[in-house]
Protein backbone atom coordinates (compact mmCIF):
# COMPACT_ATOMS: atom_id res chain seq x y z
CA UNK A 1 -96.86 5.00 -60.39
CA UNK A 2 -99.49 6.57 -62.56
CA UNK A 3 -103.22 5.88 -62.29
CA UNK A 4 -104.09 4.10 -65.54
CA UNK A 5 -107.69 4.03 -66.82
CA UNK A 6 -108.04 1.66 -69.80
CA UNK A 7 -111.07 1.90 -72.09
CA UNK A 8 -113.91 -0.52 -71.35
CA UNK A 9 -113.94 -3.48 -73.75
CA UNK A 10 -117.06 -4.20 -75.77
CA UNK A 11 -119.13 -7.31 -75.13
CA UNK A 12 -121.38 -7.66 -78.20
CA UNK A 13 -123.21 -10.77 -76.94
CA UNK A 14 -124.10 -9.20 -73.58
CA UNK A 15 -126.48 -6.38 -72.73
CA UNK A 16 -124.90 -6.15 -69.27
CA UNK A 17 -122.17 -3.59 -68.51
CA UNK A 18 -118.93 -5.40 -67.70
CA UNK A 19 -117.20 -5.27 -64.35
CA UNK A 20 -113.78 -3.73 -65.06
CA UNK A 21 -110.64 -4.60 -63.10
CA UNK A 22 -107.43 -2.71 -63.84
CA UNK A 23 -104.09 -2.00 -62.23
CA UNK A 24 -104.21 1.42 -60.62
CA UNK A 25 -100.50 2.06 -60.10
CA UNK A 26 -100.94 2.46 -56.34
CA UNK A 27 -99.20 -0.74 -55.28
CA UNK A 28 -97.46 -3.83 -56.54
CA UNK A 29 -100.70 -5.79 -57.04
CA UNK A 30 -103.40 -3.22 -56.22
CA UNK A 31 -106.37 -3.15 -58.60
CA UNK A 32 -109.33 -0.86 -59.07
CA UNK A 33 -112.61 -2.74 -59.50
CA UNK A 34 -115.42 -0.80 -61.16
CA UNK A 35 -118.91 -2.19 -61.27
CA UNK A 36 -121.73 0.16 -62.15
CA UNK A 37 -121.43 3.19 -59.87
CA UNK A 38 -119.24 1.34 -57.36
CA UNK A 39 -115.47 1.46 -57.08
CA UNK A 40 -113.59 -1.06 -54.95
CA UNK A 41 -109.92 -1.80 -54.31
CA UNK A 42 -108.43 -5.29 -54.55
CA UNK A 43 -104.96 -6.22 -53.34
CA UNK A 44 -103.02 -9.24 -52.20
CA UNK A 45 -102.28 -9.99 -48.57
CA UNK A 46 -98.82 -9.02 -47.28
CA UNK A 47 -97.78 -12.70 -47.19
CA UNK A 48 -98.44 -12.88 -50.96
CA UNK A 49 -96.44 -9.72 -51.72
CA UNK A 50 -99.22 -7.16 -51.62
CA UNK A 51 -99.88 -4.29 -49.24
CA UNK A 52 -103.26 -5.62 -48.02
CA UNK A 53 -104.95 -2.34 -49.08
CA UNK A 54 -108.12 -4.20 -50.06
CA UNK A 55 -109.63 -7.66 -50.17
CA UNK A 56 -107.71 -10.32 -52.09
CA UNK A 57 -109.36 -12.16 -55.00
CA UNK A 58 -110.46 -15.13 -52.87
CA UNK A 59 -111.91 -12.68 -50.33
CA UNK A 60 -114.13 -11.26 -53.09
CA UNK A 61 -115.16 -14.78 -54.08
CA UNK A 62 -116.14 -15.59 -50.49
CA UNK A 63 -117.94 -12.23 -50.18
CA UNK A 64 -119.95 -13.07 -53.30
CA UNK A 65 -120.98 -16.46 -51.90
CA UNK A 66 -121.71 -15.10 -48.42
CA UNK A 67 -123.75 -12.12 -49.60
CA UNK A 68 -125.69 -14.22 -52.09
CA UNK A 69 -126.41 -16.79 -49.37
CA UNK A 70 -127.68 -14.15 -46.96
CA UNK A 71 -129.76 -12.31 -49.59
CA UNK A 72 -131.33 -15.54 -50.84
CA UNK A 73 -132.26 -16.57 -47.29
CA UNK A 74 -133.71 -13.11 -46.56
CA UNK A 75 -135.85 -13.23 -49.74
CA UNK A 76 -137.11 -16.71 -48.88
CA UNK A 77 -137.85 -15.78 -45.25
CA UNK A 78 -139.80 -12.71 -46.34
CA UNK A 79 -141.86 -14.69 -48.89
CA UNK A 80 -142.66 -17.38 -46.32
CA UNK A 81 -143.22 -14.98 -43.41
CA UNK A 82 -140.55 -16.65 -41.26
CA UNK A 83 -139.44 -15.04 -38.00
CA UNK A 84 -135.84 -14.75 -39.18
CA UNK A 85 -134.41 -11.67 -37.49
CA UNK A 86 -130.75 -11.85 -38.57
CA UNK A 87 -128.47 -13.80 -40.90
CA UNK A 88 -124.69 -14.01 -40.69
CA UNK A 89 -122.41 -16.06 -42.94
CA UNK A 90 -118.79 -16.84 -42.03
CA UNK A 91 -116.58 -18.28 -44.76
CA UNK A 92 -113.05 -19.59 -45.15
CA UNK A 93 -111.14 -20.89 -48.17
CA UNK A 94 -108.19 -23.24 -48.23
CA UNK A 95 -106.38 -25.58 -50.60
CA UNK A 96 -106.40 -29.14 -49.33
CA UNK A 97 -104.56 -32.20 -50.60
CA UNK A 98 -106.65 -35.16 -51.67
CA UNK A 99 -104.70 -38.34 -52.32
CA UNK A 100 -104.79 -39.14 -56.02
CA UNK A 101 -106.45 -35.83 -56.93
CA UNK A 102 -103.85 -33.27 -55.89
CA UNK A 103 -104.93 -29.92 -54.44
CA UNK A 104 -108.62 -29.13 -54.12
CA UNK A 105 -110.33 -25.89 -53.14
CA UNK A 106 -112.38 -26.15 -49.95
CA UNK A 107 -114.80 -23.49 -48.77
CA UNK A 108 -116.32 -23.74 -45.33
CA UNK A 109 -119.54 -21.75 -44.90
CA UNK A 110 -121.12 -21.41 -41.46
CA UNK A 111 -124.57 -19.81 -41.51
CA UNK A 112 -125.96 -18.30 -38.34
CA UNK A 113 -129.72 -17.80 -38.26
CA UNK A 114 -131.32 -15.77 -35.50
CA UNK A 115 -135.01 -15.67 -34.76
CA UNK A 116 -137.88 -17.81 -33.53
CA UNK A 117 -137.42 -20.68 -35.99
CA UNK A 118 -138.48 -24.30 -35.65
CA UNK A 119 -136.04 -27.11 -36.49
CA UNK A 120 -137.76 -27.89 -39.80
CA UNK A 121 -137.64 -24.21 -40.82
CA UNK A 122 -133.91 -24.08 -40.07
CA UNK A 123 -133.36 -27.24 -42.07
CA UNK A 124 -135.32 -25.81 -45.00
CA UNK A 125 -133.29 -22.59 -44.84
CA UNK A 126 -130.07 -24.63 -45.17
CA UNK A 127 -131.55 -26.30 -48.27
CA UNK A 128 -132.38 -22.86 -49.68
CA UNK A 129 -128.85 -21.63 -48.91
CA UNK A 130 -127.53 -24.47 -51.06
CA UNK A 131 -129.69 -23.21 -53.92
CA UNK A 132 -128.46 -19.62 -53.96
CA UNK A 133 -127.16 -18.61 -57.40
CA UNK A 134 -123.50 -18.22 -56.35
CA UNK A 135 -123.45 -21.61 -54.62
CA UNK A 136 -124.92 -23.23 -57.73
CA UNK A 137 -122.43 -21.43 -59.98
CA UNK A 138 -119.45 -22.43 -57.86
CA UNK A 139 -120.62 -26.06 -57.78
CA UNK A 140 -121.23 -26.22 -61.54
CA UNK A 141 -119.02 -26.61 -64.55
CA UNK A 142 -118.14 -23.05 -65.57
CA UNK A 143 -117.18 -21.90 -69.05
CA UNK A 144 -114.92 -18.84 -69.11
CA UNK A 145 -114.25 -17.38 -72.56
CA UNK A 146 -111.07 -15.27 -72.59
CA UNK A 147 -109.86 -13.10 -75.46
CA UNK A 148 -107.35 -10.29 -75.84
CA UNK A 149 -108.80 -6.84 -76.56
CA UNK A 150 -107.65 -4.95 -79.65
């Protein structure tokens, strides 16, 4: 398969450069993700027909939530002078059945905080974690406007 590099679409209403995802011809589902100066590979897991050459789409979603959670907590801890020495966020995603509602997405997020923190500081950090931008986006109503280029 040939490596295909499509032109970047124009976003007239946005001053932000778009993140571009495109098939790269290297595998059945493999994608090249370009964001700024960074290039990443996305792929499906073997069980879904991919070659597992990169994170799957839900892995990227969880990575976005986990990294935003950790960064938000670090910023807060620095501003407040908290003795937070390390943050780790473990996440899983699954589809669960809810009677009368069908399938629902469920994300479990376990946040590990290391450092000399009092119980009320730990509790406040959990509140702050639930205010990180990705958490708020995922819990909100989202509008996605899709159009075909050209």
